[in-house]
PDB file of N, CA and C in Angstrom:
ATOM      1  N   MET A   1       5.536  -3.399  18.120  1.00  0.00           N
ATOM      2  CA  MET A   1       4.980  -3.105  16.559  1.00  0.00           C
ATOM      3  C   MET A   1       6.482  -5.046  16.120  1.00  0.00           C
ATOM      4  N   SER A   2       5.005  -5.527  15.452  1.00  0.00           N
ATOM      5  CA  SER A   2       5.480  -6.711  14.748  1.00  0.00           C
ATOM      6  C   SER A   2       6.522  -6.625  14.086  1.00  0.00           C
ATOM      7  N   GLY A   3       6.878  -5.437  13.454  1.00  0.00           N
ATOM      8  CA  GLY A   3       8.129  -5.193  12.465  1.00  0.00           C
ATOM      9  C   GLY A   3       7.595  -5.627  10.889  1.00  0.00           C
ATOM     10  N   PHE A   4       6.644  -6.102  11.174  1.00  0.00           N
ATOM     11  CA  PHE A   4       5.432  -6.387   9.614  1.00  0.00           C
ATOM     12  C   PHE A   4       4.816  -5.475   8.906  1.00  0.00           C
ATOM     13  N   GLY A   5       4.781  -4.965   7.365  1.00  0.00           N
ATOM     14  CA  GLY A   5       3.888  -4.743   7.131  1.00  0.00           C
ATOM     15  C   GLY A   5       2.700  -5.952   6.506  1.00  0.00           C
ATOM     16  N   VAL A   6       1.485  -4.454   6.126  1.00  0.00           N
ATOM     17  CA  VAL A   6       0.945  -6.478   5.541  1.00  0.00           C
ATOM     18  C   VAL A   6       0.292  -4.108   4.059  1.00  0.00           C
ATOM     19  N   LYS A   7       0.412  -4.945   3.090  1.00  0.00           N
ATOM     20  CA  LYS A   7       0.046  -4.340   2.050  1.00  0.00           C
ATOM     21  C   LYS A   7      -1.918  -4.353   1.147  1.00  0.00           C
ATOM     22  N   THR A   8      -2.642  -3.700   1.895  1.00  0.00           N
ATOM     23  CA  THR A   8      -3.373  -4.193   1.235  1.00  0.00           C
ATOM     24  C   THR A   8      -4.574  -4.244  -0.027  1.00  0.00           C
ATOM     25  N   GLU A   9      -3.348  -3.251  -0.437  1.00  0.00           N
ATOM     26  CA  GLU A   9      -4.260  -3.607  -2.017  1.00  0.00           C
ATOM     27  C   GLU A   9      -3.563  -4.109  -2.859  1.00  0.00           C
ATOM     28  N   THR A  10      -2.461  -4.684  -2.220  1.00  0.00           N
ATOM     29  CA  THR A  10      -1.374  -7.101  -2.716  1.00  0.00           C
ATOM     30  C   THR A  10      -2.760  -6.864  -2.452  1.00  0.00           C
ATOM     31  N   LEU A  11      -2.882  -7.598  -1.402  1.00  0.00           N
ATOM     32  CA  LEU A  11      -4.288  -9.010  -0.585  1.00  0.00           C
ATOM     33  C   LEU A  11      -5.826  -8.392  -1.725  1.00  0.00           C
ATOM     34  N   ASN A  12      -5.750  -7.276  -1.489  1.00  0.00           N
ATOM     35  CA  ASN A  12      -6.747  -7.497  -2.644  1.00  0.00           C
ATOM     36  C   ASN A  12      -6.674  -7.874  -4.686  1.00  0.00           C
ATOM     37  N   GLU A  13      -5.398  -7.453  -4.957  1.00  0.00           N
ATOM     38  CA  GLU A  13      -5.094  -7.640  -6.077  1.00  0.00           C
ATOM     39  C   GLU A  13      -5.035  -9.290  -6.162  1.00  0.00           C
ATOM     40  N   PHE A  14      -4.025  -9.717  -4.762  1.00  0.00           N
ATOM     41  CA  PHE A  14      -4.636 -11.398  -4.638  1.00  0.00           C
ATOM     42  C   PHE A  14      -6.288 -11.766  -4.819  1.00  0.00           C
ATOM     43  N   ALA A  15      -6.742 -11.004  -4.368  1.00  0.00           N
ATOM     44  CA  ALA A  15      -8.262 -11.754  -3.997  1.00  0.00           C
ATOM     45  C   ALA A  15      -8.975 -11.721  -5.608  1.00  0.00           C
ATOM     46  N   GLY A  16      -8.447 -10.976  -6.526  1.00  0.00           N
ATOM     47  CA  GLY A  16      -9.248 -10.569  -7.742  1.00  0.00           C
ATOM     48  C   GLY A  16      -9.016 -11.151  -8.227  1.00  0.00           C
ATOM     49  N   HIS A  17      -7.241 -11.847  -8.356  1.00  0.00           N
ATOM     50  CA  HIS A  17      -6.820 -13.059  -9.335  1.00  0.00           C
ATOM     51  C   HIS A  17      -7.301 -14.063  -8.963  1.00  0.00           C
ATOM     52  N   LEU A  18      -8.147 -14.346  -7.498  1.00  0.00           N
ATOM     53  CA  LEU A  18      -8.831 -15.813  -7.235  1.00  0.00           C
ATOM     54  C   LEU A  18     -10.058 -15.354  -8.049  1.00  0.00           C
ATOM     55  N   ASP A  19     -11.051 -14.571  -8.144  1.00  0.00           N
ATOM     56  CA  ASP A  19     -11.237 -14.052  -8.798  1.00  0.00           C
ATOM     57  C   ASP A  19     -11.865 -14.364 -10.445  1.00  0.00           C
ATOM     58  N   ARG A  20     -11.023 -14.829 -10.872  1.00  0.00           N
ATOM     59  CA  ARG A  20     -10.397 -14.985 -12.349  1.00  0.00           C
ATOM     60  C   ARG A  20     -10.171 -16.308 -12.060  1.00  0.00           C
ATOM     61  N   LEU A  21      -9.849 -16.873 -11.275  1.00  0.00           N
ATOM     62  CA  LEU A  21      -9.691 -18.377 -11.142  1.00  0.00           C
ATOM     63  C   LEU A  21     -10.652 -19.344 -10.867  1.00  0.00           C
ATOM     64  N   GLU A  22     -11.387 -18.076 -10.498  1.00  0.00           N
ATOM     65  CA  GLU A  22     -12.666 -19.029  -9.796  1.00  0.00           C
ATOM     66  C   GLU A  22     -14.065 -19.283 -10.997  1.00  0.00           C
ATOM     67  N   ASP A  23     -13.785 -17.997 -11.504  1.00  0.00           N
ATOM     68  CA  ASP A  23     -14.212 -17.915 -13.300  1.00  0.00           C
ATOM     69  C   ASP A  23     -13.906 -18.760 -14.108  1.00  0.00           C
ATOM     70  N   ALA A  24     -12.927 -19.219 -14.146  1.00  0.00           N
ATOM     71  CA  ALA A  24     -12.304 -20.116 -14.972  1.00  0.00           C
ATOM     72  C   ALA A  24     -12.373 -21.586 -14.258  1.00  0.00           C
ATOM     73  N   LEU A  25     -12.535 -21.664 -13.156  1.00  0.00           N
ATOM     74  CA  LEU A  25     -12.760 -22.974 -13.435  1.00  0.00           C
ATOM     75  C   LEU A  25     -14.607 -23.268 -13.236  1.00  0.00           C
ATOM     76  N   ARG A  26     -15.367 -22.623 -13.115  1.00  0.00           N
ATOM     77  CA  ARG A  26     -17.185 -22.619 -13.655  1.00  0.00           C
ATOM     78  C   ARG A  26     -16.633 -22.870 -14.744  1.00  0.00           C
ATOM     79  N   LYS A  27     -16.442 -22.159 -15.107  1.00  0.00           N
ATOM     80  CA  LYS A  27     -16.602 -22.903 -17.034  1.00  0.00           C
ATOM     81  C   LYS A  27     -15.941 -23.739 -17.636  1.00  0.00           C
ATOM     82  N   SER A  28     -14.911 -24.515 -17.172  1.00  0.00           N
ATOM     83  CA  SER A  28     -14.267 -25.295 -17.285  1.00  0.00           C
ATOM     84  C   SER A  28     -15.532 -26.325 -16.705  1.00  0.00           C
ATOM     85  N   ALA A  29     -15.823 -26.128 -15.608  1.00  0.00           N
ATOM     86  CA  ALA A  29     -16.789 -27.312 -15.201  1.00  0.00           C
ATOM     87  C   ALA A  29     -18.190 -27.665 -15.810  1.00  0.00           C
ATOM     88  N   ASP A  30     -18.431 -26.836 -16.045  1.00  0.00           N
ATOM     89  CA  ASP A  30     -20.035 -26.131 -17.270  1.00  0.00           C
ATOM     90  C   ASP A  30     -19.114 -27.349 -19.267  1.00  0.00           C
ATOM     91  N   ILE A  31     -17.549 -27.369 -19.195  1.00  0.00           N
ATOM     92  CA  ILE A  31     -17.944 -27.586 -20.418  1.00  0.00           C
ATOM     93  C   ILE A  31     -17.644 -29.274 -19.953  1.00  0.00           C
ATOM     94  N   VAL A  32     -17.278 -29.188 -19.247  1.00  0.00           N
ATOM     95  CA  VAL A  32     -17.136 -31.103 -18.418  1.00  0.00           C
ATOM     96  C   VAL A  32     -18.128 -31.387 -18.404  1.00  0.00           C
ATOM     97  N   GLY A  33     -19.374 -30.833 -17.454  1.00  0.00           N
ATOM     98  CA  GLY A  33     -20.292 -31.598 -17.714  1.00  0.00           C
ATOM     99  C   GLY A  33     -21.470 -32.251 -18.472  1.00  0.00           C
ATOM    100  N   GLY A  34     -21.455 -30.580 -20.090  1.00  0.00           N
ATOM    101  CA  GLY A  34     -20.975 -30.618 -20.781  1.00  0.00           C
ATOM    102  C   GLY A  34     -21.040 -32.681 -21.529  1.00  0.00           C
ATOM    103  N   CYS A  35     -20.010 -32.367 -21.133  1.00  0.00           N
ATOM    104  CA  CYS A  35     -19.734 -33.540 -22.244  1.00  0.00           C
ATOM    105  C   CYS A  35     -20.405 -35.209 -22.177  1.00  0.00           C
ATOM    106  N   VAL A  36     -20.222 -35.298 -23.773  1.00  0.00           N
ATOM    107  CA  VAL A  36     -21.273 -36.759 -23.492  1.00  0.00           C
ATOM    108  C   VAL A  36     -20.580 -37.629 -24.280  1.00  0.00           C
ATOM    109  N   ALA A  37     -21.149 -38.267 -24.476  1.00  0.00           N
ATOM    110  CA  ALA A  37     -19.611 -39.897 -25.173  1.00  0.00           C
ATOM    111  C   ALA A  37     -21.071 -40.352 -25.854  1.00  0.00           C
ATOM    112  N   ASP A  38     -20.599 -39.922 -27.195  1.00  0.00           N
ATOM    113  CA  ASP A  38     -21.289 -40.651 -28.770  1.00  0.00           C
ATOM    114  C   ASP A  38     -20.828 -42.354 -28.525  1.00  0.00           C
ATOM    115  N   PRO A  39     -22.041 -43.396 -27.716  1.00  0.00           N
ATOM    116  CA  PRO A  39     -21.942 -44.566 -27.501  1.00  0.00           C
ATOM    117  C   PRO A  39     -21.733 -44.928 -28.887  1.00  0.00           C
ATOM    118  N   GLY A  40     -22.034 -44.125 -30.201  1.00  0.00           N
ATOM    119  CA  GLY A  40     -21.496 -45.290 -31.962  1.00  0.00           C
ATOM    120  C   GLY A  40     -19.408 -45.004 -31.469  1.00  0.00           C
ATOM    121  N   ILE A  41     -18.667 -44.398 -31.007  1.00  0.00           N
ATOM    122  CA  ILE A  41     -17.076 -44.435 -31.094  1.00  0.00           C
ATOM    123  C   ILE A  41     -17.079 -45.831 -30.194  1.00  0.00           C
ATOM    124  N   PHE A  42     -17.564 -45.959 -29.421  1.00  0.00           N
ATOM    125  CA  PHE A  42     -17.199 -47.826 -28.345  1.00  0.00           C
ATOM    126  C   PHE A  42     -17.270 -48.752 -29.278  1.00  0.00           C
ATOM    127  N   GLY A  43     -18.615 -48.323 -30.069  1.00  0.00           N
ATOM    128  CA  GLY A  43     -18.868 -50.235 -30.706  1.00  0.00           C
ATOM    129  C   GLY A  43     -20.708 -49.849 -30.525  1.00  0.00           C
ATOM    130  N   ILE A  44     -21.278 -50.542 -31.468  1.00  0.00           N
ATOM    131  CA  ILE A  44     -23.183 -50.617 -31.115  1.00  0.00           C
ATOM    132  C   ILE A  44     -23.277 -51.536 -30.146  1.00  0.00           C
ATOM    133  N   PHE A  45     -23.043 -52.157 -29.412  1.00  0.00           N
ATOM    134  CA  PHE A  45     -22.510 -53.822 -28.150  1.00  0.00           C
ATOM    135  C   PHE A  45     -22.711 -53.302 -27.372  1.00  0.00           C
ATOM    136  N   GLY A  46     -21.486 -52.655 -27.184  1.00  0.00           N
ATOM    137  CA  GLY A  46     -20.953 -52.423 -25.666  1.00  0.00           C
ATOM    138  C   GLY A  46     -20.180 -50.272 -25.728  1.00  0.00           C
ATOM    139  N   GLY A  47     -21.183 -49.795 -26.442  1.00  0.00           N
ATOM    140  CA  GLY A  47     -20.584 -48.850 -26.676  1.00  0.00           C
ATOM    141  C   GLY A  47     -21.889 -47.517 -24.994  1.00  0.00           C
ATOM    142  N   GLN A  48     -22.903 -48.123 -24.676  1.00  0.00           N
ATOM    143  CA  GLN A  48     -23.616 -48.013 -24.188  1.00  0.00           C
ATOM    144  C   GLN A  48     -23.358 -47.792 -22.796  1.00  0.00           C
ATOM    145  N   ILE A  49     -22.520 -48.713 -23.080  1.00  0.00           N
ATOM    146  CA  ILE A  49     -21.999 -48.804 -21.441  1.00  0.00           C
ATOM    147  C   ILE A  49     -20.920 -47.783 -21.060  1.00  0.00           C
ATOM    148  N   TYR A  50     -20.073 -48.109 -22.074  1.00  0.00           N
ATOM    149  CA  TYR A  50     -18.743 -46.729 -22.598  1.00  0.00           C
ATOM    150  C   TYR A  50     -19.509 -46.050 -22.241  1.00  0.00           C
ATOM    151  N   GLY A  51     -20.515 -45.846 -22.940  1.00  0.00           N
ATOM    152  CA  GLY A  51     -20.789 -44.338 -23.283  1.00  0.00           C
ATOM    153  C   GLY A  51     -21.434 -43.411 -22.691  1.00  0.00           C
ATOM    154  N   ALA A  52     -21.943 -44.435 -21.308  1.00  0.00           N
ATOM    155  CA  ALA A  52     -23.087 -43.896 -19.992  1.00  0.00           C
ATOM    156  C   ALA A  52     -21.729 -43.732 -18.993  1.00  0.00           C
ATOM    157  N   GLY A  53     -20.841 -44.634 -18.693  1.00  0.00           N
ATOM    158  CA  GLY A  53     -19.790 -44.313 -17.611  1.00  0.00           C
ATOM    159  C   GLY A  53     -18.516 -43.463 -18.153  1.00  0.00           C
ATOM    160  N   ALA A  54     -18.533 -43.198 -19.311  1.00  0.00           N
ATOM    161  CA  ALA A  54     -17.806 -41.920 -19.611  1.00  0.00           C
ATOM    162  C   ALA A  54     -18.280 -40.969 -19.612  1.00  0.00           C
ATOM    163  N   SER A  55     -19.674 -40.592 -19.438  1.00  0.00           N
ATOM    164  CA  SER A  55     -20.975 -39.499 -18.859  1.00  0.00           C
ATOM    165  C   SER A  55     -20.639 -39.574 -17.063  1.00  0.00           C
ATOM    166  N   MET A  56     -20.535 -40.343 -17.536  1.00  0.00           N
ATOM    167  CA  MET A  56     -21.082 -40.423 -15.447  1.00  0.00           C
ATOM    168  C   MET A  56     -19.626 -39.991 -15.259  1.00  0.00           C
ATOM    169  N   HIS A  57     -18.698 -40.030 -15.510  1.00  0.00           N
ATOM    170  CA  HIS A  57     -17.364 -39.282 -15.081  1.00  0.00           C
ATOM    171  C   HIS A  57     -16.789 -37.866 -15.548  1.00  0.00           C
ATOM    172  N   CYS A  58     -17.908 -37.457 -16.769  1.00  0.00           N
ATOM    173  CA  CYS A  58     -17.002 -36.160 -17.080  1.00  0.00           C
ATOM    174  C   CYS A  58     -18.368 -35.377 -15.526  1.00  0.00           C
ATOM    175  N   GLY A  59     -19.401 -35.971 -15.731  1.00  0.00           N
ATOM    176  CA  GLY A  59     -20.943 -35.240 -14.283  1.00  0.00           C
ATOM    177  C   GLY A  59     -19.491 -35.484 -13.305  1.00  0.00           C
ATOM    178  N   LYS A  60     -18.790 -36.071 -13.123  1.00  0.00           N
ATOM    179  CA  LYS A  60     -18.226 -36.735 -11.267  1.00  0.00           C
ATOM    180  C   LYS A  60     -16.627 -35.569 -11.754  1.00  0.00           C
ATOM    181  N   ALA A  61     -16.127 -34.493 -12.071  1.00  0.00           N
ATOM    182  CA  ALA A  61     -15.320 -33.204 -12.447  1.00  0.00           C
ATOM    183  C   ALA A  61     -15.909 -32.461 -12.532  1.00  0.00           C
ATOM    184  N   ARG A  62     -17.192 -32.845 -13.313  1.00  0.00           N
ATOM    185  CA  ARG A  62     -18.300 -31.228 -13.228  1.00  0.00           C
ATOM    186  C   ARG A  62     -18.285 -31.433 -12.124  1.00  0.00           C
ATOM    187  N   ASP A  63     -18.642 -32.186 -10.805  1.00  0.00           N
ATOM    188  CA  ASP A  63     -18.847 -31.546  -9.326  1.00  0.00           C
ATOM    189  C   ASP A  63     -17.955 -31.395  -8.621  1.00  0.00           C
ATOM    190  N   HIS A  64     -16.808 -31.406  -8.578  1.00  0.00           N
ATOM    191  CA  HIS A  64     -15.235 -31.778  -8.656  1.00  0.00           C
ATOM    192  C   HIS A  64     -14.959 -30.811  -8.557  1.00  0.00           C
ATOM    193  N   LEU A  65     -14.819 -29.985 -10.297  1.00  0.00           N
ATOM    194  CA  LEU A  65     -14.806 -28.744  -9.844  1.00  0.00           C
ATOM    195  C   LEU A  65     -15.463 -27.563  -9.563  1.00  0.00           C
ATOM    196  N   ASN A  66     -16.519 -28.039  -9.974  1.00  0.00           N
ATOM    197  CA  ASN A  66     -17.594 -26.784  -9.476  1.00  0.00           C
ATOM    198  C   ASN A  66     -17.287 -26.613  -7.655  1.00  0.00           C
ATOM    199  N   LYS A  67     -16.851 -27.565  -7.133  1.00  0.00           N
ATOM    200  CA  LYS A  67     -16.263 -28.416  -5.323  1.00  0.00           C
ATOM    201  C   LYS A  67     -15.174 -26.722  -5.696  1.00  0.00           C
ATOM    202  N   TYR A  68     -14.725 -27.415  -5.942  1.00  0.00           N
ATOM    203  CA  TYR A  68     -12.950 -26.368  -5.907  1.00  0.00           C
ATOM    204  C   TYR A  68     -12.891 -24.649  -6.300  1.00  0.00           C
ATOM    205  N   SER A  69     -14.568 -24.786  -7.127  1.00  0.00           N
ATOM    206  CA  SER A  69     -14.243 -23.154  -7.689  1.00  0.00           C
ATOM    207  C   SER A  69     -14.585 -22.457  -6.237  1.00  0.00           C
ATOM    208  N   GLU A  70     -16.441 -23.048  -5.813  1.00  0.00           N
ATOM    209  CA  GLU A  70     -16.654 -22.887  -3.823  1.00  0.00           C
ATOM    210  C   GLU A  70     -15.780 -22.392  -3.182  1.00  0.00           C
ATOM    211  N   ASN A  71     -14.507 -23.417  -3.465  1.00  0.00           N
ATOM    212  CA  ASN A  71     -13.120 -23.454  -1.978  1.00  0.00           C
ATOM    213  C   ASN A  71     -12.897 -21.729  -2.389  1.00  0.00           C
ATOM    214  N   VAL A  72     -12.135 -21.569  -3.599  1.00  0.00           N
ATOM    215  CA  VAL A  72     -11.693 -21.124  -4.304  1.00  0.00           C
ATOM    216  C   VAL A  72     -12.345 -19.093  -4.054  1.00  0.00           C
ATOM    217  N   GLN A  73     -13.375 -18.964  -4.709  1.00  0.00           N
ATOM    218  CA  GLN A  73     -14.490 -18.569  -3.609  1.00  0.00           C
ATOM    219  C   GLN A  73     -14.358 -17.846  -2.517  1.00  0.00           C
ATOM    220  N   GLU A  74     -13.981 -18.858  -1.925  1.00  0.00           N
ATOM    221  CA  GLU A  74     -15.180 -18.553  -0.565  1.00  0.00           C
ATOM    222  C   GLU A  74     -13.358 -18.016   0.118  1.00  0.00           C
ATOM    223  N   PHE A  75     -12.289 -18.714  -0.261  1.00  0.00           N
ATOM    224  CA  PHE A  75     -11.148 -17.978   0.014  1.00  0.00           C
ATOM    225  C   PHE A  75     -10.801 -16.099  -0.458  1.00  0.00           C
ATOM    226  N   SER A  76     -11.264 -16.768  -1.473  1.00  0.00           N
ATOM    227  CA  SER A  76     -11.068 -15.096  -1.529  1.00  0.00           C
ATOM    228  C   SER A  76     -11.491 -13.799  -0.676  1.00  0.00           C
ATOM    229  N   ASP A  77     -12.510 -14.419  -0.521  1.00  0.00           N
ATOM    230  CA  ASP A  77     -13.810 -13.598   0.514  1.00  0.00           C
ATOM    231  C   ASP A  77     -13.133 -14.342   1.770  1.00  0.00           C
ATOM    232  N   ARG A  78     -12.522 -14.859   2.084  1.00  0.00           N
ATOM    233  CA  ARG A  78     -11.848 -14.350   3.630  1.00  0.00           C
ATOM    234  C   ARG A  78     -10.003 -13.698   3.323  1.00  0.00           C
ATOM    235  N   VAL A  79     -10.045 -13.427   2.081  1.00  0.00           N
ATOM    236  CA  VAL A  79      -8.599 -12.857   2.181  1.00  0.00           C
ATOM    237  C   VAL A  79      -9.304 -10.863   1.763  1.00  0.00           C
ATOM    238  N   ARG A  80     -10.075 -10.750   1.541  1.00  0.00           N
ATOM    239  CA  ARG A  80     -10.575  -9.789   0.376  1.00  0.00           C
ATOM    240  C   ARG A  80     -10.922  -9.228   2.970  1.00  0.00           C
ATOM    241  N   GLU A  81     -12.124  -9.750   3.185  1.00  0.00           N
ATOM    242  CA  GLU A  81     -11.975  -9.638   5.146  1.00  0.00           C
ATOM    243  C   GLU A  81     -10.733  -9.564   5.562  1.00  0.00           C
ATOM    244  N   ALA A  82      -9.943 -10.435   5.357  1.00  0.00           N
ATOM    245  CA  ALA A  82      -8.802  -9.789   5.866  1.00  0.00           C
ATOM    246  C   ALA A  82      -8.175  -9.174   6.140  1.00  0.00           C
ATOM    247  N   ALA A  83      -8.378  -8.500   3.947  1.00  0.00           N
ATOM    248  CA  ALA A  83      -7.910  -7.170   3.925  1.00  0.00           C
ATOM    249  C   ALA A  83      -8.487  -5.777   5.148  1.00  0.00           C
ATOM    250  N   LYS A  84     -10.435  -5.423   4.716  1.00  0.00           N
ATOM    251  CA  LYS A  84     -10.767  -5.297   5.194  1.00  0.00           C
ATOM    252  C   LYS A  84     -10.678  -4.517   6.656  1.00  0.00           C
ATOM    253  N   LYS A  85     -10.676  -5.823   7.673  1.00  0.00           N
ATOM    254  CA  LYS A  85      -9.639  -5.941   9.137  1.00  0.00           C
ATOM    255  C   LYS A  85      -8.222  -5.297   9.428  1.00  0.00           C
ATOM    256  N   TYR A  86      -7.461  -5.691   8.482  1.00  0.00           N
ATOM    257  CA  TYR A  86      -6.094  -5.432   9.179  1.00  0.00           C
ATOM    258  C   TYR A  86      -6.421  -3.408   9.234  1.00  0.00           C
ATOM    259  N   ASP A  87      -6.728  -2.630   7.634  1.00  0.00           N
ATOM    260  CA  ASP A  87      -7.395  -1.980   7.075  1.00  0.00           C
ATOM    261  C   ASP A  87      -8.265  -0.127   8.052  1.00  0.00           C
ATOM    262  N   ALA A  88      -8.977  -1.404   9.017  1.00  0.00           N
ATOM    263  CA  ALA A  88     -10.063  -0.597  10.317  1.00  0.00           C
ATOM    264  C   ALA A  88      -9.125  -0.932  10.940  1.00  0.00           C
ATOM    265  N   ASN A  89      -8.512  -2.419  11.879  1.00  0.00           N
ATOM    266  CA  ASN A  89      -7.135  -2.241  12.689  1.00  0.00           C
ATOM    267  C   ASN A  89      -6.321  -1.849  12.348  1.00  0.00           C
ATOM    268  N   GLU A  90      -5.852  -1.087  11.541  1.00  0.00           N
ATOM    269  CA  GLU A  90      -4.644   0.166  11.313  1.00  0.00           C
ATOM    270  C   GLU A  90      -4.601   0.945  11.620  1.00  0.00           C
ATOM    271  N   GLN A  91      -6.615   1.178  10.661  1.00  0.00           N
ATOM    272  CA  GLN A  91      -6.891   2.932  10.778  1.00  0.00           C
ATOM    273  C   GLN A  91      -7.419   3.112  13.104  1.00  0.00           C
ATOM    274  N   GLU A  92      -7.380   2.652  13.371  1.00  0.00           N
ATOM    275  CA  GLU A  92      -7.851   2.825  14.737  1.00  0.00           C
ATOM    276  C   GLU A  92      -6.863   2.830  15.277  1.00  0.00           C
ATOM    277  N   SER A  93      -5.914   1.729  14.871  1.00  0.00           N
ATOM    278  CA  SER A  93      -4.518   2.361  15.703  1.00  0.00           C
ATOM    279  C   SER A  93      -3.544   3.554  15.847  1.00  0.00           C
ATOM    280  N   GLU A  94      -3.843   3.937  14.640  1.00  0.00           N
ATOM    281  CA  GLU A  94      -3.291   5.522  13.849  1.00  0.00           C
ATOM    282  C   GLU A  94      -4.412   6.034  15.335  1.00  0.00           C
ATOM    283  N   LYS A  95      -5.855   6.040  15.411  1.00  0.00           N
ATOM    284  CA  LYS A  95      -5.523   7.603  15.889  1.00  0.00           C
ATOM    285  C   LYS A  95      -6.143   6.649  17.194  1.00  0.00           C
ATOM    286  N   LEU A  96      -5.845   6.102  17.301  1.00  0.00           N
ATOM    287  CA  LEU A  96      -5.136   5.990  19.293  1.00  0.00           C
ATOM    288  C   LEU A  96      -3.971   6.586  19.910  1.00  0.00           C
ATOM    289  N   ILE A  97      -3.056   6.571  18.855  1.00  0.00           N
ATOM    290  CA  ILE A  97      -1.749   6.885  19.410  1.00  0.00           C
ATOM    291  C   ILE A  97      -1.978   8.235  18.632  1.00  0.00           C
ATOM    292  N   THR A  98      -2.380   9.117  17.561  1.00  0.00           N
ATOM    293  CA  THR A  98      -2.604  10.542  17.399  1.00  0.00           C
ATOM    294  C   THR A  98      -3.619  10.928  18.135  1.00  0.00           C
ATOM    295  N   GLU A  99      -4.523  10.436  19.293  1.00  0.00           N
ATOM    296  CA  GLU A  99      -5.366  10.487  20.661  1.00  0.00           C
ATOM    297  C   GLU A  99      -4.274  10.776  22.175  1.00  0.00           C
ATOM    298  N   ALA A 100      -3.339   9.685  21.751  1.00  0.00           N
ATOM    299  CA  ALA A 100      -2.441   9.902  22.952  1.00  0.00           C
ATOM    300  C   ALA A 100      -0.757  10.700  23.000  1.00  0.00           C
ATOM    301  N   GLY A 101      -0.942  10.975  21.807  1.00  0.00           N
ATOM    302  CA  GLY A 101       0.308  12.035  21.945  1.00  0.00           C
ATOM    303  C   GLY A 101      -0.250  13.777  21.837  1.00  0.00           C
ATOM    304  N   LYS A 102      -1.304  13.943  21.949  1.00  0.00           N
ATOM    305  CA  LYS A 102      -1.925  14.883  22.485  1.00  0.00           C
ATOM    306  C   LYS A 102      -1.598  15.040  24.195  1.00  0.00           C
ATOM    307  N   GLY A 103      -1.194  17.062  23.382  1.00  0.00           N
ATOM    308  CA  GLY A 103      -0.895  17.297  24.862  1.00  0.00           C
ATOM    309  C   GLY A 103       0.567  17.431  25.302  1.00  0.00           C
ATOM    310  N   ILE A 104       1.290  16.199  24.232  1.00  0.00           N
ATOM    311  CA  ILE A 104       2.872  16.255  24.771  1.00  0.00           C
ATOM    312  C   ILE A 104       3.359  16.973  24.929  1.00  0.00           C
ATOM    313  N   ASP A 105       3.226  18.213  23.863  1.00  0.00           N
ATOM    314  CA  ASP A 105       4.146  19.587  23.312  1.00  0.00           C
ATOM    315  C   ASP A 105       3.936  20.163  24.339  1.00  0.00           C
ATOM    316  N   GLU A 106       3.164  20.032  25.364  1.00  0.00           N
ATOM    317  CA  GLU A 106       2.937  21.272  26.857  1.00  0.00           C
ATOM    318  C   GLU A 106       3.830  20.791  27.277  1.00  0.00           C
ATOM    319  N   VAL A 107       3.856  19.180  27.936  1.00  0.00           N
ATOM    320  CA  VAL A 107       4.614  18.761  28.490  1.00  0.00           C
ATOM    321  C   VAL A 107       5.843  19.690  29.044  1.00  0.00           C
ATOM    322  N   LYS A 108       6.112  19.913  29.991  1.00  0.00           N
ATOM    323  CA  LYS A 108       7.612  20.403  30.251  1.00  0.00           C
ATOM    324  C   LYS A 108       8.670  20.092  31.231  1.00  0.00           C
ATOM    325  N   VAL A 109       9.797  19.490  30.762  1.00  0.00           N
ATOM    326  CA  VAL A 109      10.125  18.967  31.578  1.00  0.00           C
ATOM    327  C   VAL A 109      11.428  20.220  32.576  1.00  0.00           C
ATOM    328  N   LYS A 110      11.528  19.587  34.472  1.00  0.00           N
ATOM    329  CA  LYS A 110      11.579  21.009  34.502  1.00  0.00           C
ATOM    330  C   LYS A 110      13.191  20.658  35.656  1.00  0.00           C
TER     331      LYS A 110
END
C-alpha cells in the first residue's frame, strides 16, 4: 500500500478549472489579437510605423496566449485521463483482492 489516496472527483474539478482558464485565455487572445493601433495617435508622419509595430506586437501577444491556452487544455486533458486511469486501476485492484479472498472463510485451522 502506498499510503496515499486519490480523489478523482477533485482531479476532475481541477480539470474543469483548467477548462475555464483555457476559455478565458482564448477570449483574451481574441481581444488582444483584434487590437489595431490607430496611426493618428502617434502623429501623421511616424504614426503608421508605430501603429504597424503596435499591431505586430498585439499579434504576437495573441499567438502566445493561444499557445498558452493550448498547453492548458492539454494539461486539462491529461488530468482527466489520469483520473480515469486511476479509477480503472482502483476497480481492477478491488476485483483482484475480492477474488483472492473468495473461499477464505472455508479455510479451517487445525
